[in-house]
Structure formats: C-alpha cells, structure tokens
Amino acid sequence: MYRIAKKFTFSASHQIKGLPLTHKCSRLHGHNYTIEVELISGTLDAVGFIRDYAELDALQNYIKEKFDHRHLNDVVGDDFTTAEHLARHFYDWCKAEWSETSAVRVSENINTWAEYRP
C-alpha cells in the first residue's frame, strides 16, 4: 500500500462540557491544533500520486472558513469538542472528498493526539 499524509493547523477555543468544575478543561481555553489527514491506496495515478498534495488544500480552506479562530462549541456543538470527536468530524469530511482517506489525527499540542481510523 502507498500512504501519504499532510498536516494543517488552526487555532480555536473550546470548553469540554460534563467535566468537574475543578478540571482545567471545563474552563474556556484554546489550542493551536494540528490536523493530519492520511490517504492510502494500492495503486497510483498516471503521474505516480495517490493524490496531488495540492488537492488536499481543500481541507485547509474548510478549516480556515469554519474553524480557525472560532469557538468550537459554537461550530460543532458542546458535546463534540474533544480531540476524538474532532478527528471523527474531519475524517468524515475528508472521506467525502477523497475516497482514499484512511485516518485523521488531531493534536492539541506537540505531546498529545487523537486519531480516527475506521
């Protein structure tokens, strides 16, 4: 299998609902997120690509339009602001755009990440 990936970044705020009030993530806070989309295929096109990396910039456009410098609770709803939920959201969006999408990873910082891979 061939595998490619591309990273994108954005900044946003959120609160994770349902946590104890003493938990730091129950308070309003923000992250500099990194989204990594991965595509796999057993074949390549005539040029030798799974997809041209430039095609994946559609994800950056979507991120900038809907997520960058926004409050995620307003964008995806109060129950869907964890990295795990965001990974699923971006996976679903990418899969609708590119059938070769195999996984999406969301990082809130350099030390943590969540991945959705069906």
N, C-alpha and C. Protein backbone atom coordinates (compact mmCIF):
# COMPACT_ATOMS: atom_id res chain seq x y z
N MET A 1 0.83 -1.19 0.00
CA MET A 1 0.00 0.00 0.00
C MET A 1 0.87 1.24 0.00
N TYR A 2 0.41 2.22 -0.70
CA TYR A 2 1.04 3.54 -0.67
C TYR A 2 0.30 4.38 0.36
N ARG A 3 1.03 5.26 1.03
CA ARG A 3 0.45 6.08 2.08
C ARG A 3 1.02 7.50 1.99
N ILE A 4 0.13 8.50 2.01
CA ILE A 4 0.58 9.89 2.09
C ILE A 4 -0.17 10.56 3.24
N ALA A 5 0.38 11.67 3.71
CA ALA A 5 -0.26 12.44 4.77
C ALA A 5 0.12 13.90 4.61
N LYS A 6 -0.75 14.76 5.09
CA LYS A 6 -0.48 16.19 5.08
C LYS A 6 -1.05 16.80 6.34
N LYS A 7 -0.31 17.78 6.91
CA LYS A 7 -0.73 18.44 8.14
C LYS A 7 -1.25 19.84 7.86
N PHE A 8 -2.21 20.25 8.69
CA PHE A 8 -2.79 21.57 8.63
C PHE A 8 -2.95 22.08 10.05
N THR A 9 -2.95 23.39 10.23
CA THR A 9 -3.05 23.95 11.57
C THR A 9 -4.14 25.00 11.65
N PHE A 10 -4.65 25.17 12.88
CA PHE A 10 -5.57 26.27 13.17
C PHE A 10 -5.59 26.50 14.67
N SER A 11 -6.10 27.64 15.06
CA SER A 11 -6.24 27.99 16.47
C SER A 11 -7.71 28.17 16.79
N ALA A 12 -8.13 27.67 17.95
CA ALA A 12 -9.53 27.79 18.33
C ALA A 12 -9.66 27.61 19.84
N SER A 13 -10.79 28.06 20.36
CA SER A 13 -11.10 27.88 21.78
C SER A 13 -12.19 26.83 21.93
N HIS A 14 -12.31 26.30 23.15
CA HIS A 14 -13.42 25.38 23.46
C HIS A 14 -13.49 25.17 24.96
N GLN A 15 -14.57 24.55 25.38
CA GLN A 15 -14.75 24.06 26.74
C GLN A 15 -15.28 22.65 26.60
N ILE A 16 -14.79 21.76 27.44
CA ILE A 16 -15.31 20.40 27.42
C ILE A 16 -16.36 20.30 28.51
N LYS A 17 -17.59 20.10 28.07
CA LYS A 17 -18.72 20.02 28.99
C LYS A 17 -18.76 18.65 29.66
N GLY A 18 -19.34 18.60 30.85
CA GLY A 18 -19.51 17.34 31.56
C GLY A 18 -18.37 16.98 32.49
N LEU A 19 -17.33 17.78 32.50
CA LEU A 19 -16.21 17.53 33.42
C LEU A 19 -16.49 18.24 34.74
N PRO A 20 -15.86 17.79 35.82
CA PRO A 20 -15.99 18.53 37.08
C PRO A 20 -15.50 19.96 36.91
N LEU A 21 -16.10 20.88 37.61
CA LEU A 21 -15.73 22.29 37.50
C LEU A 21 -14.27 22.53 37.87
N THR A 22 -13.70 21.61 38.65
CA THR A 22 -12.29 21.74 39.05
C THR A 22 -11.33 21.29 37.94
N HIS A 23 -11.83 20.63 36.92
CA HIS A 23 -10.97 20.15 35.83
C HIS A 23 -10.63 21.33 34.92
N LYS A 24 -9.35 21.49 34.59
CA LYS A 24 -8.92 22.65 33.80
C LYS A 24 -9.60 22.74 32.44
N CYS A 25 -9.96 21.60 31.87
CA CYS A 25 -10.58 21.62 30.53
C CYS A 25 -12.06 21.98 30.55
N SER A 26 -12.64 22.09 31.76
CA SER A 26 -14.03 22.54 31.84
C SER A 26 -14.11 24.05 31.66
N ARG A 27 -12.97 24.73 31.84
CA ARG A 27 -12.91 26.18 31.66
C ARG A 27 -12.63 26.52 30.19
N LEU A 28 -13.02 27.70 29.78
CA LEU A 28 -12.72 28.18 28.45
C LEU A 28 -11.20 28.23 28.26
N HIS A 29 -10.72 27.62 27.18
CA HIS A 29 -9.30 27.61 26.86
C HIS A 29 -9.12 27.38 25.37
N GLY A 30 -7.91 27.49 24.89
CA GLY A 30 -7.67 27.32 23.47
C GLY A 30 -6.46 26.47 23.17
N HIS A 31 -6.37 26.08 21.91
CA HIS A 31 -5.25 25.26 21.44
C HIS A 31 -4.82 25.73 20.06
N ASN A 32 -3.60 25.42 19.73
CA ASN A 32 -3.11 25.52 18.36
C ASN A 32 -3.14 24.09 17.83
N TYR A 33 -4.21 23.78 17.12
CA TYR A 33 -4.46 22.41 16.65
C TYR A 33 -3.65 22.09 15.41
N THR A 34 -3.29 20.82 15.30
CA THR A 34 -2.72 20.27 14.07
C THR A 34 -3.63 19.12 13.63
N ILE A 35 -4.04 19.18 12.38
CA ILE A 35 -4.86 18.12 11.78
C ILE A 35 -3.99 17.43 10.74
N GLU A 36 -3.92 16.11 10.80
CA GLU A 36 -3.16 15.35 9.81
C GLU A 36 -4.10 14.37 9.13
N VAL A 37 -4.21 14.49 7.83
CA VAL A 37 -5.04 13.56 7.06
C VAL A 37 -4.11 12.56 6.37
N GLU A 38 -4.52 11.30 6.39
CA GLU A 38 -3.74 10.22 5.78
C GLU A 38 -4.59 9.55 4.70
N LEU A 39 -3.98 9.31 3.56
CA LEU A 39 -4.64 8.61 2.46
C LEU A 39 -3.81 7.38 2.11
N ILE A 40 -4.48 6.28 1.77
CA ILE A 40 -3.77 5.08 1.34
C ILE A 40 -4.40 4.56 0.06
N SER A 41 -3.58 3.87 -0.74
CA SER A 41 -4.07 3.26 -1.97
C SER A 41 -3.09 2.18 -2.41
N GLY A 42 -3.61 1.19 -3.04
CA GLY A 42 -2.77 0.14 -3.61
C GLY A 42 -2.27 0.50 -5.00
N THR A 43 -2.82 1.58 -5.57
CA THR A 43 -2.42 2.00 -6.92
C THR A 43 -2.13 3.49 -6.92
N LEU A 44 -1.41 3.90 -7.96
CA LEU A 44 -1.09 5.30 -8.16
C LEU A 44 -1.68 5.77 -9.49
N ASP A 45 -1.87 7.08 -9.62
CA ASP A 45 -2.38 7.60 -10.89
C ASP A 45 -1.25 7.61 -11.93
N ALA A 46 -1.53 8.12 -13.12
CA ALA A 46 -0.57 8.10 -14.22
C ALA A 46 0.70 8.90 -13.92
N VAL A 47 0.60 9.87 -13.02
CA VAL A 47 1.75 10.69 -12.66
C VAL A 47 2.58 10.02 -11.57
N GLY A 48 1.93 9.16 -10.78
CA GLY A 48 2.61 8.48 -9.68
C GLY A 48 2.15 8.94 -8.31
N PHE A 49 0.96 9.56 -8.24
CA PHE A 49 0.39 10.05 -6.99
C PHE A 49 -0.78 9.18 -6.54
N ILE A 50 -0.99 9.13 -5.22
CA ILE A 50 -2.30 8.74 -4.70
C ILE A 50 -3.24 9.91 -4.98
N ARG A 51 -2.83 11.07 -4.53
CA ARG A 51 -3.47 12.36 -4.80
C ARG A 51 -2.35 13.39 -4.82
N ASP A 52 -2.49 14.39 -5.63
CA ASP A 52 -1.56 15.52 -5.59
C ASP A 52 -1.76 16.22 -4.24
N TYR A 53 -0.67 16.49 -3.54
CA TYR A 53 -0.78 17.16 -2.24
C TYR A 53 -1.59 18.45 -2.34
N ALA A 54 -1.50 19.13 -3.47
CA ALA A 54 -2.24 20.39 -3.65
C ALA A 54 -3.76 20.18 -3.55
N GLU A 55 -4.24 19.01 -3.94
CA GLU A 55 -5.67 18.72 -3.82
C GLU A 55 -6.12 18.75 -2.36
N LEU A 56 -5.22 18.39 -1.46
CA LEU A 56 -5.57 18.32 -0.05
C LEU A 56 -5.73 19.70 0.59
N ASP A 57 -5.33 20.74 -0.13
CA ASP A 57 -5.50 22.10 0.38
C ASP A 57 -6.97 22.46 0.56
N ALA A 58 -7.87 21.70 -0.04
CA ALA A 58 -9.30 21.92 0.19
C ALA A 58 -9.62 21.78 1.68
N LEU A 59 -8.90 20.91 2.38
CA LEU A 59 -9.09 20.77 3.82
C LEU A 59 -8.66 22.05 4.54
N GLN A 60 -7.55 22.63 4.13
CA GLN A 60 -7.11 23.89 4.75
C GLN A 60 -8.15 24.98 4.55
N ASN A 61 -8.73 25.04 3.36
CA ASN A 61 -9.78 26.04 3.10
C ASN A 61 -10.98 25.82 4.01
N TYR A 62 -11.39 24.58 4.18
CA TYR A 62 -12.51 24.25 5.07
C TYR A 62 -12.18 24.65 6.51
N ILE A 63 -10.98 24.33 6.95
CA ILE A 63 -10.56 24.66 8.31
C ILE A 63 -10.57 26.17 8.52
N LYS A 64 -9.98 26.91 7.60
CA LYS A 64 -9.91 28.37 7.74
C LYS A 64 -11.30 28.99 7.75
N GLU A 65 -12.16 28.48 6.92
CA GLU A 65 -13.51 29.03 6.80
C GLU A 65 -14.38 28.74 8.02
N LYS A 66 -14.28 27.53 8.57
CA LYS A 66 -15.21 27.09 9.62
C LYS A 66 -14.63 27.01 11.03
N PHE A 67 -13.32 26.84 11.17
CA PHE A 67 -12.74 26.52 12.48
C PHE A 67 -11.72 27.51 13.01
N ASP A 68 -10.92 28.09 12.14
CA ASP A 68 -9.80 28.91 12.60
C ASP A 68 -10.27 30.14 13.36
N HIS A 69 -9.72 30.32 14.55
CA HIS A 69 -10.04 31.44 15.44
C HIS A 69 -11.54 31.53 15.74
N ARG A 70 -12.12 30.37 16.00
CA ARG A 70 -13.53 30.29 16.39
C ARG A 70 -13.64 29.51 17.69
N HIS A 71 -14.84 29.54 18.25
CA HIS A 71 -15.14 28.79 19.47
C HIS A 71 -15.79 27.47 19.04
N LEU A 72 -15.10 26.36 19.27
CA LEU A 72 -15.54 25.06 18.73
C LEU A 72 -16.90 24.63 19.26
N ASN A 73 -17.26 25.04 20.46
CA ASN A 73 -18.58 24.68 20.99
C ASN A 73 -19.68 25.26 20.10
N ASP A 74 -19.43 26.42 19.51
CA ASP A 74 -20.39 27.03 18.59
C ASP A 74 -20.37 26.36 17.22
N VAL A 75 -19.21 25.87 16.81
CA VAL A 75 -19.04 25.29 15.48
C VAL A 75 -19.57 23.86 15.41
N VAL A 76 -19.18 23.01 16.36
CA VAL A 76 -19.55 21.58 16.29
C VAL A 76 -20.49 21.15 17.40
N GLY A 77 -20.82 22.05 18.30
CA GLY A 77 -21.73 21.72 19.39
C GLY A 77 -20.98 21.35 20.65
N ASP A 78 -21.62 21.59 21.79
CA ASP A 78 -20.99 21.40 23.09
C ASP A 78 -20.48 19.99 23.35
N ASP A 79 -21.11 18.99 22.76
CA ASP A 79 -20.74 17.61 23.06
C ASP A 79 -19.65 17.06 22.15
N PHE A 80 -19.10 17.88 21.25
CA PHE A 80 -18.21 17.34 20.22
C PHE A 80 -16.89 18.09 20.10
N THR A 81 -16.38 18.61 21.21
CA THR A 81 -15.16 19.42 21.12
C THR A 81 -13.89 18.69 21.55
N THR A 82 -13.99 17.43 21.92
CA THR A 82 -12.77 16.69 22.27
C THR A 82 -11.98 16.40 21.00
N ALA A 83 -10.71 16.14 21.16
CA ALA A 83 -9.86 15.79 20.02
C ALA A 83 -10.40 14.55 19.31
N GLU A 84 -10.95 13.62 20.07
CA GLU A 84 -11.50 12.39 19.48
C GLU A 84 -12.68 12.71 18.55
N HIS A 85 -13.58 13.56 19.02
CA HIS A 85 -14.73 13.94 18.19
C HIS A 85 -14.29 14.75 16.98
N LEU A 86 -13.32 15.64 17.17
CA LEU A 86 -12.83 16.41 16.04
C LEU A 86 -12.17 15.51 15.00
N ALA A 87 -11.44 14.51 15.44
CA ALA A 87 -10.82 13.57 14.49
C ALA A 87 -11.89 12.89 13.65
N ARG A 88 -12.97 12.48 14.26
CA ARG A 88 -14.07 11.84 13.50
C ARG A 88 -14.72 12.83 12.55
N HIS A 89 -14.93 14.05 13.02
CA HIS A 89 -15.54 15.07 12.17
C HIS A 89 -14.69 15.30 10.92
N PHE A 90 -13.39 15.51 11.11
CA PHE A 90 -12.52 15.78 9.96
C PHE A 90 -12.36 14.54 9.09
N TYR A 91 -12.37 13.36 9.68
CA TYR A 91 -12.32 12.13 8.88
C TYR A 91 -13.53 12.06 7.95
N ASP A 92 -14.72 12.28 8.50
CA ASP A 92 -15.93 12.21 7.69
C ASP A 92 -15.89 13.22 6.54
N TRP A 93 -15.41 14.43 6.84
CA TRP A 93 -15.32 15.45 5.79
C TRP A 93 -14.33 15.01 4.71
N CYS A 94 -13.16 14.55 5.13
CA CYS A 94 -12.13 14.13 4.18
C CYS A 94 -12.56 12.92 3.36
N LYS A 95 -13.21 11.97 3.99
CA LYS A 95 -13.65 10.76 3.29
C LYS A 95 -14.64 11.10 2.19
N ALA A 96 -15.50 12.10 2.45
CA ALA A 96 -16.45 12.55 1.43
C ALA A 96 -15.73 13.22 0.25
N GLU A 97 -14.58 13.82 0.51
CA GLU A 97 -13.79 14.49 -0.54
C GLU A 97 -12.88 13.52 -1.27
N TRP A 98 -12.22 12.63 -0.51
CA TRP A 98 -11.21 11.74 -1.08
C TRP A 98 -11.44 10.32 -0.56
N SER A 99 -11.83 9.45 -1.44
CA SER A 99 -12.17 8.08 -1.04
C SER A 99 -10.99 7.34 -0.42
N GLU A 100 -9.78 7.77 -0.70
CA GLU A 100 -8.59 7.11 -0.17
C GLU A 100 -8.28 7.47 1.27
N THR A 101 -9.07 8.36 1.87
CA THR A 101 -8.82 8.77 3.26
C THR A 101 -8.88 7.54 4.16
N SER A 102 -7.83 7.37 4.97
CA SER A 102 -7.78 6.21 5.86
C SER A 102 -7.78 6.59 7.33
N ALA A 103 -7.35 7.81 7.65
CA ALA A 103 -7.30 8.24 9.05
C ALA A 103 -7.14 9.75 9.13
N VAL A 104 -7.57 10.28 10.24
CA VAL A 104 -7.30 11.69 10.57
C VAL A 104 -6.84 11.74 12.02
N ARG A 105 -5.80 12.51 12.24
CA ARG A 105 -5.23 12.69 13.57
C ARG A 105 -5.37 14.17 13.96
N VAL A 106 -5.76 14.40 15.20
CA VAL A 106 -5.90 15.76 15.73
C VAL A 106 -5.00 15.90 16.94
N SER A 107 -4.13 16.92 16.91
CA SER A 107 -3.26 17.22 18.04
C SER A 107 -3.63 18.57 18.61
N GLU A 108 -3.71 18.63 19.94
CA GLU A 108 -3.95 19.90 20.63
C GLU A 108 -2.63 20.56 21.03
N ASN A 109 -1.59 19.77 21.06
CA ASN A 109 -0.24 20.26 21.36
C ASN A 109 0.75 19.21 20.86
N ILE A 110 2.01 19.45 21.06
CA ILE A 110 3.02 18.54 20.49
C ILE A 110 3.08 17.20 21.22
N ASN A 111 2.44 17.09 22.37
CA ASN A 111 2.55 15.87 23.16
C ASN A 111 1.35 14.93 23.09
N THR A 112 0.23 15.41 22.54
CA THR A 112 -0.98 14.58 22.55
C THR A 112 -1.63 14.56 21.17
N TRP A 113 -2.33 13.48 20.90
CA TRP A 113 -3.12 13.40 19.68
C TRP A 113 -4.21 12.36 19.84
N ALA A 114 -5.26 12.54 19.04
CA ALA A 114 -6.33 11.55 18.93
C ALA A 114 -6.48 11.23 17.45
N GLU A 115 -6.82 9.99 17.17
CA GLU A 115 -6.92 9.55 15.78
C GLU A 115 -8.23 8.83 15.56
N TYR A 116 -8.85 9.09 14.40
CA TYR A 116 -10.00 8.29 13.99
C TYR A 116 -9.57 7.52 12.74
N ARG A 117 -9.68 6.19 12.85
CA ARG A 117 -9.32 5.29 11.77
C ARG A 117 -10.34 4.13 11.82
N PRO A 118 -11.30 4.11 10.90
CA PRO A 118 -12.31 3.04 10.99
C PRO A 118 -11.74 1.67 10.70
